[in-house]
Amino acid sequence: MYAAGGANVPAFARNRSTGALTELASSPFGAGPNATSLAVPASGNYLYVLDNVNDEVRAYSIDTSTGLLTAIAGSPFALVPGKQGLGPTVIVTSQ
């Protein structure tokens, strides 16, 4: 489980019996200066983090056994190349 907020994305393991969260030892992960929203597609293999101040998306692959994030080559990706200040606030994925 991941959370968006500020310059980092904290990662948590969830206890399936109690629902309690424990932050992963490798957490938090750097996510640019303004992580405001994130999305994980149904496959669970990727994490996309929206920076709504710089109008870009950071993309990571997820190690599904450890939760470790690895930046995808070319990330961050500009939402509107050459423009800033459009300020989207939500990111979603689809299959």
PDB file of N, CA and C in Angstrom:
ATOM      1  N   MET A   1       0.849  -1.158   0.000  1.00  0.00           N
ATOM      2  CA  MET A   1       0.000   0.000   0.000  1.00  0.00           C
ATOM      3  C   MET A   1       0.897   1.224   0.000  1.00  0.00           C
ATOM      4  N   TYR A   2       0.517   2.223  -0.769  1.00  0.00           N
ATOM      5  CA  TYR A   2       1.305   3.443  -0.916  1.00  0.00           C
ATOM      6  C   TYR A   2       0.423   4.651  -0.621  1.00  0.00           C
ATOM      7  N   ALA A   3       1.068   5.755  -0.222  1.00  0.00           N
ATOM      8  CA  ALA A   3       0.342   6.989   0.051  1.00  0.00           C
ATOM      9  C   ALA A   3       1.058   8.136  -0.650  1.00  0.00           C
ATOM     10  N   ALA A   4       0.310   9.147  -1.060  1.00  0.00           N
ATOM     11  CA  ALA A   4       0.896  10.322  -1.700  1.00  0.00           C
ATOM     12  C   ALA A   4       0.905  11.462  -0.703  1.00  0.00           C
ATOM     13  N   GLY A   5       1.982  12.224  -0.736  1.00  0.00           N
ATOM     14  CA  GLY A   5       2.034  13.391   0.130  1.00  0.00           C
ATOM     15  C   GLY A   5       3.393  14.047   0.110  1.00  0.00           C
ATOM     16  N   GLY A   6       3.462  15.245  -0.432  1.00  0.00           N
ATOM     17  CA  GLY A   6       4.722  15.973  -0.450  1.00  0.00           C
ATOM     18  C   GLY A   6       5.716  15.360  -1.411  1.00  0.00           C
ATOM     19  N   ALA A   7       6.965  15.263  -0.967  1.00  0.00           N
ATOM     20  CA  ALA A   7       8.046  14.805  -1.836  1.00  0.00           C
ATOM     21  C   ALA A   7       8.286  13.308  -1.758  1.00  0.00           C
ATOM     22  N   ASN A   8       7.533  12.606  -0.952  1.00  0.00           N
ATOM     23  CA  ASN A   8       7.764  11.182  -0.755  1.00  0.00           C
ATOM     24  C   ASN A   8       6.495  10.358  -0.909  1.00  0.00           C
ATOM     25  N   VAL A   9       6.707   9.084  -1.201  1.00  0.00           N
ATOM     26  CA  VAL A   9       5.620   8.110  -1.218  1.00  0.00           C
ATOM     27  C   VAL A   9       5.959   7.049  -0.182  1.00  0.00           C
ATOM     28  N   PRO A  10       5.320   7.102   0.988  1.00  0.00           N
ATOM     29  CA  PRO A  10       5.544   6.040   1.960  1.00  0.00           C
ATOM     30  C   PRO A  10       4.875   4.745   1.507  1.00  0.00           C
ATOM     31  N   ALA A  11       5.513   3.616   1.837  1.00  0.00           N
ATOM     32  CA  ALA A  11       4.994   2.299   1.463  1.00  0.00           C
ATOM     33  C   ALA A  11       4.741   1.491   2.730  1.00  0.00           C
ATOM     34  N   PHE A  12       3.640   0.754   2.732  1.00  0.00           N
ATOM     35  CA  PHE A  12       3.229   0.000   3.910  1.00  0.00           C
ATOM     36  C   PHE A  12       2.875  -1.440   3.562  1.00  0.00           C
ATOM     37  N   ALA A  13       3.145  -2.326   4.492  1.00  0.00           N
ATOM     38  CA  ALA A  13       2.645  -3.697   4.412  1.00  0.00           C
ATOM     39  C   ALA A  13       1.377  -3.734   5.249  1.00  0.00           C
ATOM     40  N   ARG A  14       0.374  -4.486   4.791  1.00  0.00           N
ATOM     41  CA  ARG A  14      -0.894  -4.583   5.518  1.00  0.00           C
ATOM     42  C   ARG A  14      -1.013  -5.976   6.114  1.00  0.00           C
ATOM     43  N   ASN A  15      -1.315  -6.027   7.414  1.00  0.00           N
ATOM     44  CA  ASN A  15      -1.572  -7.300   8.081  1.00  0.00           C
ATOM     45  C   ASN A  15      -2.956  -7.753   7.633  1.00  0.00           C
ATOM     46  N   ARG A  16      -3.029  -8.885   6.945  1.00  0.00           N
ATOM     47  CA  ARG A  16      -4.305  -9.353   6.387  1.00  0.00           C
ATOM     48  C   ARG A  16      -5.317  -9.728   7.467  1.00  0.00           C
ATOM     49  N   SER A  17      -4.853 -10.090   8.645  1.00  0.00           N
ATOM     50  CA  SER A  17      -5.774 -10.473   9.728  1.00  0.00           C
ATOM     51  C   SER A  17      -6.352  -9.270  10.452  1.00  0.00           C
ATOM     52  N   THR A  18      -5.489  -8.268  10.729  1.00  0.00           N
ATOM     53  CA  THR A  18      -5.928  -7.143  11.555  1.00  0.00           C
ATOM     54  C   THR A  18      -6.145  -5.851  10.778  1.00  0.00           C
ATOM     55  N   GLY A  19      -5.557  -5.763   9.577  1.00  0.00           N
ATOM     56  CA  GLY A  19      -5.641  -4.527   8.802  1.00  0.00           C
ATOM     57  C   GLY A  19      -4.597  -3.497   9.198  1.00  0.00           C
ATOM     58  N   ALA A  20      -3.773  -3.801  10.203  1.00  0.00           N
ATOM     59  CA  ALA A  20      -2.748  -2.870  10.663  1.00  0.00           C
ATOM     60  C   ALA A  20      -1.695  -2.651   9.576  1.00  0.00           C
ATOM     61  N   LEU A  21      -1.169  -1.422   9.520  1.00  0.00           N
ATOM     62  CA  LEU A  21      -0.147  -1.072   8.541  1.00  0.00           C
ATOM     63  C   LEU A  21       1.211  -0.953   9.225  1.00  0.00           C
ATOM     64  N   THR A  22       2.241  -1.434   8.536  1.00  0.00           N
ATOM     65  CA  THR A  22       3.620  -1.307   8.997  1.00  0.00           C
ATOM     66  C   THR A  22       4.430  -0.723   7.852  1.00  0.00           C
ATOM     67  N   GLU A  23       5.126   0.384   8.101  1.00  0.00           N
ATOM     68  CA  GLU A  23       5.914   1.005   7.033  1.00  0.00           C
ATOM     69  C   GLU A  23       7.071   0.094   6.645  1.00  0.00           C
ATOM     70  N   LEU A  24       7.306  -0.067   5.334  1.00  0.00           N
ATOM     71  CA  LEU A  24       8.393  -0.895   4.837  1.00  0.00           C
ATOM     72  C   LEU A  24       9.736  -0.259   5.180  1.00  0.00           C
ATOM     73  N   ALA A  25      10.742  -1.084   5.420  1.00  0.00           N
ATOM     74  CA  ALA A  25      12.075  -0.600   5.771  1.00  0.00           C
ATOM     75  C   ALA A  25      12.656   0.291   4.680  1.00  0.00           C
ATOM     76  N   SER A  26      12.333   0.024   3.421  1.00  0.00           N
ATOM     77  CA  SER A  26      12.868   0.794   2.301  1.00  0.00           C
ATOM     78  C   SER A  26      12.090   2.087   2.049  1.00  0.00           C
ATOM     79  N   SER A  27      11.057   2.339   2.797  1.00  0.00           N
ATOM     80  CA  SER A  27      10.174   3.484   2.641  1.00  0.00           C
ATOM     81  C   SER A  27      10.713   4.669   3.437  1.00  0.00           C
ATOM     82  N   PRO A  28      10.424   5.910   3.035  1.00  0.00           N
ATOM     83  CA  PRO A  28       9.627   6.307   1.888  1.00  0.00           C
ATOM     84  C   PRO A  28      10.483   6.387   0.619  1.00  0.00           C
ATOM     85  N   PHE A  29       9.793   6.438  -0.515  1.00  0.00           N
ATOM     86  CA  PHE A  29      10.447   6.559  -1.810  1.00  0.00           C
ATOM     87  C   PHE A  29      10.305   8.000  -2.284  1.00  0.00           C
ATOM     88  N   GLY A  30      11.371   8.551  -2.861  1.00  0.00           N
ATOM     89  CA  GLY A  30      11.313   9.903  -3.412  1.00  0.00           C
ATOM     90  C   GLY A  30      10.340   9.950  -4.577  1.00  0.00           C
ATOM     91  N   ALA A  31       9.537  10.999  -4.633  1.00  0.00           N
ATOM     92  CA  ALA A  31       8.509  11.079  -5.674  1.00  0.00           C
ATOM     93  C   ALA A  31       8.422  12.463  -6.283  1.00  0.00           C
ATOM     94  N   GLY A  32       9.511  13.191  -6.296  1.00  0.00           N
ATOM     95  CA  GLY A  32       9.452  14.548  -6.813  1.00  0.00           C
ATOM     96  C   GLY A  32       8.928  15.482  -5.741  1.00  0.00           C
ATOM     97  N   PRO A  33       8.839  16.743  -6.029  1.00  0.00           N
ATOM     98  CA  PRO A  33       8.508  17.702  -4.974  1.00  0.00           C
ATOM     99  C   PRO A  33       7.040  17.775  -4.557  1.00  0.00           C
ATOM    100  N   ASN A  34       6.113  17.279  -5.369  1.00  0.00           N
ATOM    101  CA  ASN A  34       4.695  17.536  -5.092  1.00  0.00           C
ATOM    102  C   ASN A  34       3.808  16.340  -5.402  1.00  0.00           C
ATOM    103  N   ALA A  35       4.041  15.214  -4.769  1.00  0.00           N
ATOM    104  CA  ALA A  35       3.207  14.031  -5.004  1.00  0.00           C
ATOM    105  C   ALA A  35       1.827  14.284  -4.407  1.00  0.00           C
ATOM    106  N   THR A  36       0.814  14.352  -5.274  1.00  0.00           N
ATOM    107  CA  THR A  36      -0.524  14.681  -4.791  1.00  0.00           C
ATOM    108  C   THR A  36      -1.539  13.562  -4.969  1.00  0.00           C
ATOM    109  N   SER A  37      -1.284  12.657  -5.897  1.00  0.00           N
ATOM    110  CA  SER A  37      -2.226  11.581  -6.175  1.00  0.00           C
ATOM    111  C   SER A  37      -1.443  10.431  -6.775  1.00  0.00           C
ATOM    112  N   LEU A  38      -1.939   9.212  -6.584  1.00  0.00           N
ATOM    113  CA  LEU A  38      -1.267   8.069  -7.188  1.00  0.00           C
ATOM    114  C   LEU A  38      -2.271   7.044  -7.637  1.00  0.00           C
ATOM    115  N   ALA A  39      -1.793   6.156  -8.529  1.00  0.00           N
ATOM    116  CA  ALA A  39      -2.655   5.111  -9.065  1.00  0.00           C
ATOM    117  C   ALA A  39      -1.828   3.859  -9.316  1.00  0.00           C
ATOM    118  N   VAL A  40      -2.448   2.712  -9.045  1.00  0.00           N
ATOM    119  CA  VAL A  40      -1.855   1.410  -9.328  1.00  0.00           C
ATOM    120  C   VAL A  40      -2.853   0.660 -10.197  1.00  0.00           C
ATOM    121  N   PRO A  41      -2.453   0.231 -11.403  1.00  0.00           N
ATOM    122  CA  PRO A  41      -3.386  -0.526 -12.233  1.00  0.00           C
ATOM    123  C   PRO A  41      -3.703  -1.880 -11.605  1.00  0.00           C
ATOM    124  N   ALA A  42      -4.745  -2.521 -12.070  1.00  0.00           N
ATOM    125  CA  ALA A  42      -5.205  -3.791 -11.491  1.00  0.00           C
ATOM    126  C   ALA A  42      -4.113  -4.856 -11.465  1.00  0.00           C
ATOM    127  N   SER A  43      -3.158  -4.798 -12.394  1.00  0.00           N
ATOM    128  CA  SER A  43      -2.069  -5.786 -12.411  1.00  0.00           C
ATOM    129  C   SER A  43      -1.208  -5.697 -11.160  1.00  0.00           C
ATOM    130  N   GLY A  44      -1.161  -4.512 -10.535  1.00  0.00           N
ATOM    131  CA  GLY A  44      -0.362  -4.305  -9.334  1.00  0.00           C
ATOM    132  C   GLY A  44       1.126  -4.195  -9.595  1.00  0.00           C
ATOM    133  N   ASN A  45       1.538  -4.093 -10.861  1.00  0.00           N
ATOM    134  CA  ASN A  45       2.962  -4.071 -11.199  1.00  0.00           C
ATOM    135  C   ASN A  45       3.569  -2.680 -11.324  1.00  0.00           C
ATOM    136  N   TYR A  46       2.728  -1.645 -11.349  1.00  0.00           N
ATOM    137  CA  TYR A  46       3.224  -0.290 -11.560  1.00  0.00           C
ATOM    138  C   TYR A  46       2.553   0.686 -10.606  1.00  0.00           C
ATOM    139  N   LEU A  47       3.261   1.780 -10.332  1.00  0.00           N
ATOM    140  CA  LEU A  47       2.724   2.870  -9.532  1.00  0.00           C
ATOM    141  C   LEU A  47       2.964   4.150 -10.314  1.00  0.00           C
ATOM    142  N   TYR A  48       1.923   4.967 -10.444  1.00  0.00           N
ATOM    143  CA  TYR A  48       2.023   6.244 -11.124  1.00  0.00           C
ATOM    144  C   TYR A  48       1.719   7.339 -10.112  1.00  0.00           C
ATOM    145  N   VAL A  49       2.616   8.329 -10.030  1.00  0.00           N
ATOM    146  CA  VAL A  49       2.489   9.397  -9.042  1.00  0.00           C
ATOM    147  C   VAL A  49       2.347  10.725  -9.776  1.00  0.00           C
ATOM    148  N   LEU A  50       1.270  11.438  -9.484  1.00  0.00           N
ATOM    149  CA  LEU A  50       1.001  12.733 -10.097  1.00  0.00           C
ATOM    150  C   LEU A  50       1.674  13.837  -9.291  1.00  0.00           C
ATOM    151  N   ASP A  51       2.383  14.719  -9.982  1.00  0.00           N
ATOM    152  CA  ASP A  51       2.912  15.953  -9.406  1.00  0.00           C
ATOM    153  C   ASP A  51       2.101  17.063 -10.061  1.00  0.00           C
ATOM    154  N   ASN A  52       1.130  17.613  -9.335  1.00  0.00           N
ATOM    155  CA  ASN A  52       0.222  18.573  -9.965  1.00  0.00           C
ATOM    156  C   ASN A  52       0.767  19.994  -9.997  1.00  0.00           C
ATOM    157  N   VAL A  53       1.929  20.227  -9.410  1.00  0.00           N
ATOM    158  CA  VAL A  53       2.554  21.539  -9.512  1.00  0.00           C
ATOM    159  C   VAL A  53       3.434  21.596 -10.759  1.00  0.00           C
ATOM    160  N   ASN A  54       4.216  20.541 -10.990  1.00  0.00           N
ATOM    161  CA  ASN A  54       5.100  20.494 -12.154  1.00  0.00           C
ATOM    162  C   ASN A  54       4.449  19.832 -13.361  1.00  0.00           C
ATOM    163  N   ASP A  55       3.197  19.422 -13.234  1.00  0.00           N
ATOM    164  CA  ASP A  55       2.432  18.811 -14.324  1.00  0.00           C
ATOM    165  C   ASP A  55       3.182  17.643 -14.955  1.00  0.00           C
ATOM    166  N   GLU A  56       3.516  16.663 -14.108  1.00  0.00           N
ATOM    167  CA  GLU A  56       4.215  15.484 -14.593  1.00  0.00           C
ATOM    168  C   GLU A  56       3.770  14.249 -13.816  1.00  0.00           C
ATOM    169  N   VAL A  57       4.040  13.105 -14.410  1.00  0.00           N
ATOM    170  CA  VAL A  57       3.736  11.828 -13.779  1.00  0.00           C
ATOM    171  C   VAL A  57       5.040  11.050 -13.643  1.00  0.00           C
ATOM    172  N   ARG A  58       5.305  10.562 -12.445  1.00  0.00           N
ATOM    173  CA  ARG A  58       6.455   9.691 -12.204  1.00  0.00           C
ATOM    174  C   ARG A  58       5.942   8.258 -12.238  1.00  0.00           C
ATOM    175  N   ALA A  59       6.675   7.390 -12.909  1.00  0.00           N
ATOM    176  CA  ALA A  59       6.250   6.003 -13.077  1.00  0.00           C
ATOM    177  C   ALA A  59       7.283   5.073 -12.442  1.00  0.00           C
ATOM    178  N   TYR A  60       6.783   4.065 -11.737  1.00  0.00           N
ATOM    179  CA  TYR A  60       7.628   3.096 -11.045  1.00  0.00           C
ATOM    180  C   TYR A  60       7.126   1.686 -11.323  1.00  0.00           C
ATOM    181  N   SER A  61       8.055   0.743 -11.367  1.00  0.00           N
ATOM    182  CA  SER A  61       7.647  -0.661 -11.349  1.00  0.00           C
ATOM    183  C   SER A  61       7.650  -1.079  -9.884  1.00  0.00           C
ATOM    184  N   ILE A  62       6.749  -1.996  -9.544  1.00  0.00           N
ATOM    185  CA  ILE A  62       6.617  -2.475  -8.168  1.00  0.00           C
ATOM    186  C   ILE A  62       7.109  -3.912  -8.102  1.00  0.00           C
ATOM    187  N   ASP A  63       8.035  -4.177  -7.195  1.00  0.00           N
ATOM    188  CA  ASP A  63       8.423  -5.563  -6.913  1.00  0.00           C
ATOM    189  C   ASP A  63       7.303  -6.117  -6.044  1.00  0.00           C
ATOM    190  N   THR A  64       6.479  -6.983  -6.598  1.00  0.00           N
ATOM    191  CA  THR A  64       5.277  -7.438  -5.887  1.00  0.00           C
ATOM    192  C   THR A  64       5.588  -8.305  -4.675  1.00  0.00           C
ATOM    193  N   SER A  65       6.814  -8.797  -4.532  1.00  0.00           N
ATOM    194  CA  SER A  65       7.141  -9.587  -3.336  1.00  0.00           C
ATOM    195  C   SER A  65       7.668  -8.716  -2.194  1.00  0.00           C
ATOM    196  N   THR A  66       8.269  -7.551  -2.518  1.00  0.00           N
ATOM    197  CA  THR A  66       8.844  -6.706  -1.472  1.00  0.00           C
ATOM    198  C   THR A  66       8.197  -5.332  -1.363  1.00  0.00           C
ATOM    199  N   GLY A  67       7.501  -4.898  -2.416  1.00  0.00           N
ATOM    200  CA  GLY A  67       6.923  -3.559  -2.443  1.00  0.00           C
ATOM    201  C   GLY A  67       7.899  -2.492  -2.905  1.00  0.00           C
ATOM    202  N   LEU A  68       9.150  -2.874  -3.182  1.00  0.00           N
ATOM    203  CA  LEU A  68      10.176  -1.936  -3.609  1.00  0.00           C
ATOM    204  C   LEU A  68       9.793  -1.281  -4.927  1.00  0.00           C
ATOM    205  N   LEU A  69      10.000   0.030  -5.005  1.00  0.00           N
ATOM    206  CA  LEU A  69       9.713   0.786  -6.221  1.00  0.00           C
ATOM    207  C   LEU A  69      10.996   1.057  -6.983  1.00  0.00           C
ATOM    208  N   THR A  70      10.936   0.923  -8.316  1.00  0.00           N
ATOM    209  CA  THR A  70      12.055   1.250  -9.187  1.00  0.00           C
ATOM    210  C   THR A  70      11.536   2.178 -10.268  1.00  0.00           C
ATOM    211  N   ALA A  71      12.195   3.333 -10.418  1.00  0.00           N
ATOM    212  CA  ALA A  71      11.755   4.300 -11.431  1.00  0.00           C
ATOM    213  C   ALA A  71      11.853   3.697 -12.826  1.00  0.00           C
ATOM    214  N   ILE A  72      10.860   3.978 -13.644  1.00  0.00           N
ATOM    215  CA  ILE A  72      10.836   3.530 -15.039  1.00  0.00           C
ATOM    216  C   ILE A  72      11.642   4.522 -15.873  1.00  0.00           C
ATOM    217  N   ALA A  73      12.451   4.008 -16.801  1.00  0.00           N
ATOM    218  CA  ALA A  73      13.274   4.856 -17.665  1.00  0.00           C
ATOM    219  C   ALA A  73      12.426   5.939 -18.320  1.00  0.00           C
ATOM    220  N   GLY A  74      12.931   7.156 -18.330  1.00  0.00           N
ATOM    221  CA  GLY A  74      12.237   8.281 -18.940  1.00  0.00           C
ATOM    222  C   GLY A  74      11.347   9.053 -17.981  1.00  0.00           C
ATOM    223  N   SER A  75      11.101   8.492 -16.806  1.00  0.00           N
ATOM    224  CA  SER A  75      10.249   9.128 -15.807  1.00  0.00           C
ATOM    225  C   SER A  75      11.035  10.256 -15.140  1.00  0.00           C
ATOM    226  N   PRO A  76      10.408  11.412 -14.874  1.00  0.00           N
ATOM    227  CA  PRO A  76       8.992  11.723 -14.986  1.00  0.00           C
ATOM    228  C   PRO A  76       8.583  12.084 -16.413  1.00  0.00           C
ATOM    229  N   PHE A  77       7.284  11.920 -16.665  1.00  0.00           N
ATOM    230  CA  PHE A  77       6.708  12.205 -17.967  1.00  0.00           C
ATOM    231  C   PHE A  77       5.858  13.470 -17.872  1.00  0.00           C
ATOM    232  N   ALA A  78       6.086  14.424 -18.778  1.00  0.00           N
ATOM    233  CA  ALA A  78       5.322  15.667 -18.777  1.00  0.00           C
ATOM    234  C   ALA A  78       3.894  15.397 -19.227  1.00  0.00           C
ATOM    235  N   LEU A  79       2.939  15.981 -18.530  1.00  0.00           N
ATOM    236  CA  LEU A  79       1.534  15.848 -18.924  1.00  0.00           C
ATOM    237  C   LEU A  79       1.248  16.674 -20.165  1.00  0.00           C
ATOM    238  N   VAL A  80       1.749  17.881 -20.176  1.00  0.00           N
ATOM    239  CA  VAL A  80       1.622  18.752 -21.334  1.00  0.00           C
ATOM    240  C   VAL A  80       3.026  19.276 -21.588  1.00  0.00           C
ATOM    241  N   PRO A  81       3.778  18.612 -22.481  1.00  0.00           N
ATOM    242  CA  PRO A  81       5.179  19.004 -22.693  1.00  0.00           C
ATOM    243  C   PRO A  81       5.344  20.500 -22.913  1.00  0.00           C
ATOM    244  N   GLY A  82       6.301  21.079 -22.191  1.00  0.00           N
ATOM    245  CA  GLY A  82       6.595  22.496 -22.334  1.00  0.00           C
ATOM    246  C   GLY A  82       5.673  23.420 -21.565  1.00  0.00           C
ATOM    247  N   LYS A  83       4.697  22.865 -20.845  1.00  0.00           N
ATOM    248  CA  LYS A  83       3.752  23.698 -20.091  1.00  0.00           C
ATOM    249  C   LYS A  83       3.795  23.310 -18.620  1.00  0.00           C
ATOM    250  N   GLN A  84       3.522  24.274 -17.770  1.00  0.00           N
ATOM    251  CA  GLN A  84       3.364  24.018 -16.347  1.00  0.00           C
ATOM    252  C   GLN A  84       2.215  24.861 -15.835  1.00  0.00           C
ATOM    253  N   GLY A  85       1.664  24.453 -14.694  1.00  0.00           N
ATOM    254  CA  GLY A  85       0.630  25.243 -14.070  1.00  0.00           C
ATOM    255  C   GLY A  85      -0.784  24.833 -14.388  1.00  0.00           C
ATOM    256  N   LEU A  86      -0.990  23.714 -15.099  1.00  0.00           N
ATOM    257  CA  LEU A  86      -2.354  23.279 -15.390  1.00  0.00           C
ATOM    258  C   LEU A  86      -2.985  22.627 -14.164  1.00  0.00           C
ATOM    259  N   GLY A  87      -2.171  22.031 -13.313  1.00  0.00           N
ATOM    260  CA  GLY A  87      -2.591  21.555 -12.018  1.00  0.00           C
ATOM    261  C   GLY A  87      -3.639  20.470 -11.933  1.00  0.00           C
ATOM    262  N   PRO A  88      -3.557  19.354 -12.689  1.00  0.00           N
ATOM    263  CA  PRO A  88      -4.506  18.265 -12.458  1.00  0.00           C
ATOM    264  C   PRO A  88      -4.346  17.739 -11.036  1.00  0.00           C
ATOM    265  N   THR A  89      -5.407  17.208 -10.475  1.00  0.00           N
ATOM    266  CA  THR A  89      -5.358  16.773  -9.087  1.00  0.00           C
ATOM    267  C   THR A  89      -5.558  15.286  -8.885  1.00  0.00           C
ATOM    268  N   VAL A  90      -5.942  14.552  -9.923  1.00  0.00           N
ATOM    269  CA  VAL A  90      -6.232  13.125  -9.785  1.00  0.00           C
ATOM    270  C   VAL A  90      -5.612  12.371 -10.958  1.00  0.00           C
ATOM    271  N   ILE A  91      -5.147  11.152 -10.678  1.00  0.00           N
ATOM    272  CA  ILE A  91      -4.651  10.265 -11.718  1.00  0.00           C
ATOM    273  C   ILE A  91      -5.364   8.938 -11.576  1.00  0.00           C
ATOM    274  N   VAL A  92      -5.759   8.339 -12.695  1.00  0.00           N
ATOM    275  CA  VAL A  92      -6.422   7.036 -12.689  1.00  0.00           C
ATOM    276  C   VAL A  92      -5.785   6.154 -13.754  1.00  0.00           C
ATOM    277  N   THR A  93      -5.989   4.859 -13.639  1.00  0.00           N
ATOM    278  CA  THR A  93      -5.495   3.933 -14.655  1.00  0.00           C
ATOM    279  C   THR A  93      -6.661   3.107 -15.168  1.00  0.00           C
ATOM    280  N   SER A  94      -6.454   2.507 -16.316  1.00  0.00           N
ATOM    281  CA  SER A  94      -7.466   1.595 -16.844  1.00  0.00           C
ATOM    282  C   SER A  94      -6.755   0.396 -17.440  1.00  0.00           C
ATOM    283  N   GLN A  95      -7.489  -0.678 -17.667  1.00  0.00           N
ATOM    284  CA  GLN A  95      -6.906  -1.878 -18.253  1.00  0.00           C
ATOM    285  C   GLN A  95      -6.863  -1.751 -19.740  1.00  0.00           C
TER     286      GLN A  95
END
